[in-house]
Amino acid sequence: MVGKKLDVASSFLRDRFFFSLLLILFSIITVACESSFENFDKNLLEKKKELEEFNEKSNIRKEEIINSQNENN
């Protein structure tokens, strides 16, 4: 009878330990993913800004070329 209770208690503690370990692992993975997505979003916004600046410079250069062609004609 006592042996059965010890088995139940050790089984409960073992299950509790594995559950805690699984919960900690899941938390670490979640935090790592959130950090990764934050970095991805930040990089994406930086690239968007660079693309907008490039587009503005490109439009300015295109206007300069068109004006230059019109002056030559």
PDB file of N, CA and C in Angstrom:
ATOM      1  N   MET A   1       0.812  -1.190   0.000  1.00  0.00           N
ATOM      2  CA  MET A   1       0.000   0.000   0.000  1.00  0.00           C
ATOM      3  C   MET A   1       0.862   1.264   0.000  1.00  0.00           C
ATOM      4  N   VAL A   2       1.878   1.261   0.869  1.00  0.00           N
ATOM      5  CA  VAL A   2       2.766   2.422   0.947  1.00  0.00           C
ATOM      6  C   VAL A   2       3.559   2.556  -0.342  1.00  0.00           C
ATOM      7  N   GLY A   3       3.988   1.407  -0.886  1.00  0.00           N
ATOM      8  CA  GLY A   3       4.733   1.427  -2.146  1.00  0.00           C
ATOM      9  C   GLY A   3       3.898   2.004  -3.269  1.00  0.00           C
ATOM     10  N   LYS A   4       2.618   1.683  -3.284  1.00  0.00           N
ATOM     11  CA  LYS A   4       1.716   2.195  -4.310  1.00  0.00           C
ATOM     12  C   LYS A   4       1.584   3.717  -4.195  1.00  0.00           C
ATOM     13  N   LYS A   5       1.470   4.216  -2.969  1.00  0.00           N
ATOM     14  CA  LYS A   5       1.360   5.656  -2.753  1.00  0.00           C
ATOM     15  C   LYS A   5       2.646   6.365  -3.161  1.00  0.00           C
ATOM     16  N   LEU A   6       3.806   5.738  -2.893  1.00  0.00           N
ATOM     17  CA  LEU A   6       5.082   6.329  -3.300  1.00  0.00           C
ATOM     18  C   LEU A   6       5.189   6.377  -4.825  1.00  0.00           C
ATOM     19  N   ASP A   7       4.724   5.324  -5.477  1.00  0.00           N
ATOM     20  CA  ASP A   7       4.736   5.321  -6.946  1.00  0.00           C
ATOM     21  C   ASP A   7       3.850   6.424  -7.509  1.00  0.00           C
ATOM     22  N   VAL A   8       2.689   6.600  -6.907  1.00  0.00           N
ATOM     23  CA  VAL A   8       1.767   7.652  -7.355  1.00  0.00           C
ATOM     24  C   VAL A   8       2.388   9.020  -7.119  1.00  0.00           C
ATOM     25  N   ALA A   9       2.998   9.199  -5.960  1.00  0.00           N
ATOM     26  CA  ALA A   9       3.618  10.489  -5.631  1.00  0.00           C
ATOM     27  C   ALA A   9       4.796  10.765  -6.556  1.00  0.00           C
ATOM     28  N   SER A  10       5.639   9.769  -6.794  1.00  0.00           N
ATOM     29  CA  SER A  10       6.790   9.992  -7.670  1.00  0.00           C
ATOM     30  C   SER A  10       6.334  10.217  -9.106  1.00  0.00           C
ATOM     31  N   SER A  11       5.284   9.528  -9.512  1.00  0.00           N
ATOM     32  CA  SER A  11       4.744   9.733 -10.854  1.00  0.00           C
ATOM     33  C   SER A  11       4.202  11.160 -10.992  1.00  0.00           C
ATOM     34  N   PHE A  12       3.520  11.630  -9.976  1.00  0.00           N
ATOM     35  CA  PHE A  12       2.983  12.993  -9.987  1.00  0.00           C
ATOM     36  C   PHE A  12       4.120  14.010 -10.071  1.00  0.00           C
ATOM     37  N   LEU A  13       5.167  13.803  -9.251  1.00  0.00           N
ATOM     38  CA  LEU A  13       6.294  14.729  -9.265  1.00  0.00           C
ATOM     39  C   LEU A  13       7.020  14.700 -10.602  1.00  0.00           C
ATOM     40  N   ARG A  14       7.170  13.515 -11.163  1.00  0.00           N
ATOM     41  CA  ARG A  14       7.832  13.375 -12.457  1.00  0.00           C
ATOM     42  C   ARG A  14       7.014  14.093 -13.539  1.00  0.00           C
ATOM     43  N   ASP A  15       5.701  13.882 -13.548  1.00  0.00           N
ATOM     44  CA  ASP A  15       4.834  14.554 -14.516  1.00  0.00           C
ATOM     45  C   ASP A  15       4.885  16.066 -14.336  1.00  0.00           C
ATOM     46  N   ARG A  16       4.887  16.489 -13.080  1.00  0.00           N
ATOM     47  CA  ARG A  16       4.938  17.920 -12.782  1.00  0.00           C
ATOM     48  C   ARG A  16       6.261  18.518 -13.266  1.00  0.00           C
ATOM     49  N   PHE A  17       7.361  17.779 -13.072  1.00  0.00           N
ATOM     50  CA  PHE A  17       8.676  18.246 -13.516  1.00  0.00           C
ATOM     51  C   PHE A  17       8.704  18.377 -15.039  1.00  0.00           C
ATOM     52  N   PHE A  18       8.221  17.370 -15.749  1.00  0.00           N
ATOM     53  CA  PHE A  18       8.225  17.414 -17.208  1.00  0.00           C
ATOM     54  C   PHE A  18       7.302  18.514 -17.735  1.00  0.00           C
ATOM     55  N   PHE A  19       6.181  18.709 -17.075  1.00  0.00           N
ATOM     56  CA  PHE A  19       5.274  19.786 -17.472  1.00  0.00           C
ATOM     57  C   PHE A  19       5.955  21.138 -17.290  1.00  0.00           C
ATOM     58  N   SER A  20       6.641  21.328 -16.166  1.00  0.00           N
ATOM     59  CA  SER A  20       7.349  22.587 -15.908  1.00  0.00           C
ATOM     60  C   SER A  20       8.457  22.798 -16.933  1.00  0.00           C
ATOM     61  N   LEU A  21       9.181  21.741 -17.232  1.00  0.00           N
ATOM     62  CA  LEU A  21      10.247  21.813 -18.220  1.00  0.00           C
ATOM     63  C   LEU A  21       9.685  22.166 -19.601  1.00  0.00           C
ATOM     64  N   LEU A  22       8.587  21.543 -19.964  1.00  0.00           N
ATOM     65  CA  LEU A  22       7.937  21.825 -21.235  1.00  0.00           C
ATOM     66  C   LEU A  22       7.438  23.266 -21.285  1.00  0.00           C
ATOM     67  N   LEU A  23       6.884  23.747 -20.193  1.00  0.00           N
ATOM     68  CA  LEU A  23       6.401  25.113 -20.124  1.00  0.00           C
ATOM     69  C   LEU A  23       7.548  26.114 -20.264  1.00  0.00           C
ATOM     70  N   ILE A  24       8.657  25.850 -19.618  1.00  0.00           N
ATOM     71  CA  ILE A  24       9.831  26.728 -19.725  1.00  0.00           C
ATOM     72  C   ILE A  24      10.361  26.722 -21.159  1.00  0.00           C
ATOM     73  N   LEU A  25      10.449  25.559 -21.760  1.00  0.00           N
ATOM     74  CA  LEU A  25      10.921  25.450 -23.143  1.00  0.00           C
ATOM     75  C   LEU A  25      10.001  26.212 -24.093  1.00  0.00           C
ATOM     76  N   PHE A  26       8.705  26.049 -23.919  1.00  0.00           N
ATOM     77  CA  PHE A  26       7.736  26.753 -24.746  1.00  0.00           C
ATOM     78  C   PHE A  26       7.874  28.266 -24.570  1.00  0.00           C
ATOM     79  N   SER A  27       8.092  28.723 -23.351  1.00  0.00           N
ATOM     80  CA  SER A  27       8.263  30.154 -23.090  1.00  0.00           C
ATOM     81  C   SER A  27       9.508  30.699 -23.775  1.00  0.00           C
ATOM     82  N   ILE A  28      10.588  29.948 -23.710  1.00  0.00           N
ATOM     83  CA  ILE A  28      11.840  30.371 -24.356  1.00  0.00           C
ATOM     84  C   ILE A  28      11.650  30.474 -25.865  1.00  0.00           C
ATOM     85  N   ILE A  29      10.996  29.480 -26.448  1.00  0.00           N
ATOM     86  CA  ILE A  29      10.750  29.504 -27.893  1.00  0.00           C
ATOM     87  C   ILE A  29       9.868  30.687 -28.266  1.00  0.00           C
ATOM     88  N   THR A  30       8.846  30.955 -27.476  1.00  0.00           N
ATOM     89  CA  THR A  30       7.950  32.081 -27.742  1.00  0.00           C
ATOM     90  C   THR A  30       8.691  33.405 -27.707  1.00  0.00           C
ATOM     91  N   VAL A  31       9.509  33.597 -26.689  1.00  0.00           N
ATOM     92  CA  VAL A  31      10.267  34.845 -26.565  1.00  0.00           C
ATOM     93  C   VAL A  31      11.245  34.981 -27.729  1.00  0.00           C
ATOM     94  N   ALA A  32      11.899  33.897 -28.117  1.00  0.00           N
ATOM     95  CA  ALA A  32      12.841  33.939 -29.234  1.00  0.00           C
ATOM     96  C   ALA A  32      12.127  34.299 -30.535  1.00  0.00           C
ATOM     97  N   CYS A  33      10.955  33.734 -30.748  1.00  0.00           N
ATOM     98  CA  CYS A  33      10.192  34.038 -31.964  1.00  0.00           C
ATOM     99  C   CYS A  33       9.737  35.490 -31.978  1.00  0.00           C
ATOM    100  N   GLU A  34       9.268  35.987 -30.843  1.00  0.00           N
ATOM    101  CA  GLU A  34       8.846  37.388 -30.771  1.00  0.00           C
ATOM    102  C   GLU A  34      10.010  38.318 -31.077  1.00  0.00           C
ATOM    103  N   SER A  35      11.160  38.013 -30.534  1.00  0.00           N
ATOM    104  CA  SER A  35      12.341  38.826 -30.781  1.00  0.00           C
ATOM    105  C   SER A  35      12.716  38.789 -32.256  1.00  0.00           C
ATOM    106  N   SER A  36      12.643  37.613 -32.841  1.00  0.00           N
ATOM    107  CA  SER A  36      12.963  37.469 -34.252  1.00  0.00           C
ATOM    108  C   SER A  36      12.008  38.266 -35.123  1.00  0.00           C
ATOM    109  N   PHE A  37      10.714  38.213 -34.813  1.00  0.00           N
ATOM    110  CA  PHE A  37       9.735  38.969 -35.589  1.00  0.00           C
ATOM    111  C   PHE A  37       9.912  40.471 -35.399  1.00  0.00           C
ATOM    112  N   GLU A  38      10.281  40.907 -34.200  1.00  0.00           N
ATOM    113  CA  GLU A  38      10.544  42.332 -33.974  1.00  0.00           C
ATOM    114  C   GLU A  38      11.704  42.792 -34.847  1.00  0.00           C
ATOM    115  N   ASN A  39      12.769  41.999 -34.891  1.00  0.00           N
ATOM    116  CA  ASN A  39      13.920  42.346 -35.718  1.00  0.00           C
ATOM    117  C   ASN A  39      13.532  42.351 -37.192  1.00  0.00           C
ATOM    118  N   PHE A  40      12.711  41.388 -37.600  1.00  0.00           N
ATOM    119  CA  PHE A  40      12.261  41.318 -38.988  1.00  0.00           C
ATOM    120  C   PHE A  40      11.452  42.558 -39.333  1.00  0.00           C
ATOM    121  N   ASP A  41      10.530  42.949 -38.451  1.00  0.00           N
ATOM    122  CA  ASP A  41       9.717  44.140 -38.686  1.00  0.00           C
ATOM    123  C   ASP A  41      10.585  45.393 -38.772  1.00  0.00           C
ATOM    124  N   LYS A  42      11.556  45.492 -37.885  1.00  0.00           N
ATOM    125  CA  LYS A  42      12.442  46.649 -37.874  1.00  0.00           C
ATOM    126  C   LYS A  42      13.234  46.715 -39.173  1.00  0.00           C
ATOM    127  N   ASN A  43      13.783  45.586 -39.605  1.00  0.00           N
ATOM    128  CA  ASN A  43      14.542  45.552 -40.848  1.00  0.00           C
ATOM    129  C   ASN A  43      13.652  45.861 -42.043  1.00  0.00           C
ATOM    130  N   LEU A  44      12.431  45.360 -42.004  1.00  0.00           N
ATOM    131  CA  LEU A  44      11.496  45.611 -43.090  1.00  0.00           C
ATOM    132  C   LEU A  44      11.164  47.095 -43.195  1.00  0.00           C
ATOM    133  N   LEU A  45      10.963  47.754 -42.070  1.00  0.00           N
ATOM    134  CA  LEU A  45      10.687  49.190 -42.083  1.00  0.00           C
ATOM    135  C   LEU A  45      11.890  49.984 -42.598  1.00  0.00           C
ATOM    136  N   GLU A  46      13.099  49.557 -42.232  1.00  0.00           N
ATOM    137  CA  GLU A  46      14.302  50.228 -42.724  1.00  0.00           C
ATOM    138  C   GLU A  46      14.424  50.068 -44.238  1.00  0.00           C
ATOM    139  N   LYS A  47      14.155  48.872 -44.737  1.00  0.00           N
ATOM    140  CA  LYS A  47      14.222  48.623 -46.182  1.00  0.00           C
ATOM    141  C   LYS A  47      13.150  49.419 -46.917  1.00  0.00           C
ATOM    142  N   LYS A  48      11.967  49.536 -46.316  1.00  0.00           N
ATOM    143  CA  LYS A  48      10.895  50.317 -46.922  1.00  0.00           C
ATOM    144  C   LYS A  48      11.321  51.782 -47.036  1.00  0.00           C
ATOM    145  N   LYS A  49      11.939  52.301 -45.985  1.00  0.00           N
ATOM    146  CA  LYS A  49      12.405  53.684 -45.995  1.00  0.00           C
ATOM    147  C   LYS A  49      13.477  53.877 -47.070  1.00  0.00           C
ATOM    148  N   GLU A  50      14.417  52.934 -47.174  1.00  0.00           N
ATOM    149  CA  GLU A  50      15.457  53.015 -48.198  1.00  0.00           C
ATOM    150  C   GLU A  50      14.844  52.985 -49.597  1.00  0.00           C
ATOM    151  N   LEU A  51      13.855  52.139 -49.792  1.00  0.00           N
ATOM    152  CA  LEU A  51      13.193  52.035 -51.089  1.00  0.00           C
ATOM    153  C   LEU A  51      12.462  53.328 -51.436  1.00  0.00           C
ATOM    154  N   GLU A  52      11.800  53.933 -50.464  1.00  0.00           N
ATOM    155  CA  GLU A  52      11.111  55.206 -50.700  1.00  0.00           C
ATOM    156  C   GLU A  52      12.105  56.304 -51.064  1.00  0.00           C
ATOM    157  N   GLU A  53      13.241  56.343 -50.357  1.00  0.00           N
ATOM    158  CA  GLU A  53      14.273  57.340 -50.669  1.00  0.00           C
ATOM    159  C   GLU A  53      14.829  57.108 -52.070  1.00  0.00           C
ATOM    160  N   PHE A  54      15.075  55.854 -52.414  1.00  0.00           N
ATOM    161  CA  PHE A  54      15.575  55.533 -53.751  1.00  0.00           C
ATOM    162  C   PHE A  54      14.559  55.945 -54.812  1.00  0.00           C
ATOM    163  N   ASN A  55      13.283  55.687 -54.542  1.00  0.00           N
ATOM    164  CA  ASN A  55      12.226  56.040 -55.481  1.00  0.00           C
ATOM    165  C   ASN A  55      12.171  57.559 -55.693  1.00  0.00           C
ATOM    166  N   GLU A  56      12.297  58.322 -54.613  1.00  0.00           N
ATOM    167  CA  GLU A  56      12.307  59.786 -54.720  1.00  0.00           C
ATOM    168  C   GLU A  56      13.489  60.260 -55.564  1.00  0.00           C
ATOM    169  N   LYS A  57      14.682  59.718 -55.289  1.00  0.00           N
ATOM    170  CA  LYS A  57      15.865  60.102 -56.055  1.00  0.00           C
ATOM    171  C   LYS A  57      15.721  59.708 -57.516  1.00  0.00           C
ATOM    172  N   SER A  58      15.128  58.559 -57.740  1.00  0.00           N
ATOM    173  CA  SER A  58      14.910  58.089 -59.102  1.00  0.00           C
ATOM    174  C   SER A  58      13.961  59.015 -59.849  1.00  0.00           C
ATOM    175  N   ASN A  59      12.897  59.436 -59.199  1.00  0.00           N
ATOM    176  CA  ASN A  59      11.945  60.360 -59.832  1.00  0.00           C
ATOM    177  C   ASN A  59      12.604  61.700 -60.136  1.00  0.00           C
ATOM    178  N   ILE A  60      13.415  62.186 -59.225  1.00  0.00           N
ATOM    179  CA  ILE A  60      14.120  63.455 -59.443  1.00  0.00           C
ATOM    180  C   ILE A  60      15.063  63.318 -60.641  1.00  0.00           C
ATOM    181  N   ARG A  61      15.795  62.214 -60.686  1.00  0.00           N
ATOM    182  CA  ARG A  61      16.734  61.988 -61.794  1.00  0.00           C
ATOM    183  C   ARG A  61      15.980  61.857 -63.122  1.00  0.00           C
ATOM    184  N   LYS A  62      14.850  61.199 -63.095  1.00  0.00           N
ATOM    185  CA  LYS A  62      14.044  61.033 -64.311  1.00  0.00           C
ATOM    186  C   LYS A  62      13.578  62.395 -64.818  1.00  0.00           C
ATOM    187  N   GLU A  63      13.143  63.262 -63.918  1.00  0.00           N
ATOM    188  CA  GLU A  63      12.721  64.610 -64.309  1.00  0.00           C
ATOM    189  C   GLU A  63      13.887  65.402 -64.888  1.00  0.00           C
ATOM    190  N   GLU A  64      15.074  65.242 -64.288  1.00  0.00           N
ATOM    191  CA  GLU A  64      16.257  65.937 -64.809  1.00  0.00           C
ATOM    192  C   GLU A  64      16.579  65.473 -66.222  1.00  0.00           C
ATOM    193  N   ILE A  65      16.466  64.185 -66.459  1.00  0.00           N
ATOM    194  CA  ILE A  65      16.745  63.648 -67.800  1.00  0.00           C
ATOM    195  C   ILE A  65      15.723  64.155 -68.808  1.00  0.00           C
ATOM    196  N   ILE A  66      14.470  64.145 -68.415  1.00  0.00           N
ATOM    197  CA  ILE A  66      13.412  64.635 -69.317  1.00  0.00           C
ATOM    198  C   ILE A  66      13.625  66.116 -69.615  1.00  0.00           C
ATOM    199  N   ASN A  67      13.943  66.911 -68.605  1.00  0.00           N
ATOM    200  CA  ASN A  67      14.194  68.336 -68.815  1.00  0.00           C
ATOM    201  C   ASN A  67      15.409  68.546 -69.712  1.00  0.00           C
ATOM    202  N   SER A  68      16.428  67.755 -69.520  1.00  0.00           N
ATOM    203  CA  SER A  68      17.631  67.847 -70.347  1.00  0.00           C
ATOM    204  C   SER A  68      17.313  67.510 -71.796  1.00  0.00           C
ATOM    205  N   GLN A  69      16.512  66.493 -72.023  1.00  0.00           N
ATOM    206  CA  GLN A  69      16.126  66.113 -73.384  1.00  0.00           C
ATOM    207  C   GLN A  69      15.283  67.210 -74.027  1.00  0.00           C
ATOM    208  N   ASN A  70      14.379  67.813 -73.251  1.00  0.00           N
ATOM    209  CA  ASN A  70      13.542  68.884 -73.783  1.00  0.00           C
ATOM    210  C   ASN A  70      14.370  70.113 -74.149  1.00  0.00           C
ATOM    211  N   GLU A  71      15.408  70.394 -73.386  1.00  0.00           N
ATOM    212  CA  GLU A  71      16.279  71.530 -73.675  1.00  0.00           C
ATOM    213  C   GLU A  71      17.098  71.296 -74.940  1.00  0.00           C
ATOM    214  N   ASN A  72      17.468  70.055 -75.192  1.00  0.00           N
ATOM    215  CA  ASN A  72      18.254  69.724 -76.373  1.00  0.00           C
ATOM    216  C   ASN A  72      17.389  69.732 -77.636  1.00  0.00           C
ATOM    217  N   ASN A  73      16.124  69.552 -77.497  1.00  0.00           N
ATOM    218  CA  ASN A  73      15.230  69.539 -78.687  1.00  0.00           C
ATOM    219  C   ASN A  73      14.808  70.906 -79.000  1.00  0.00           C
TER     220      ASN A  73
END
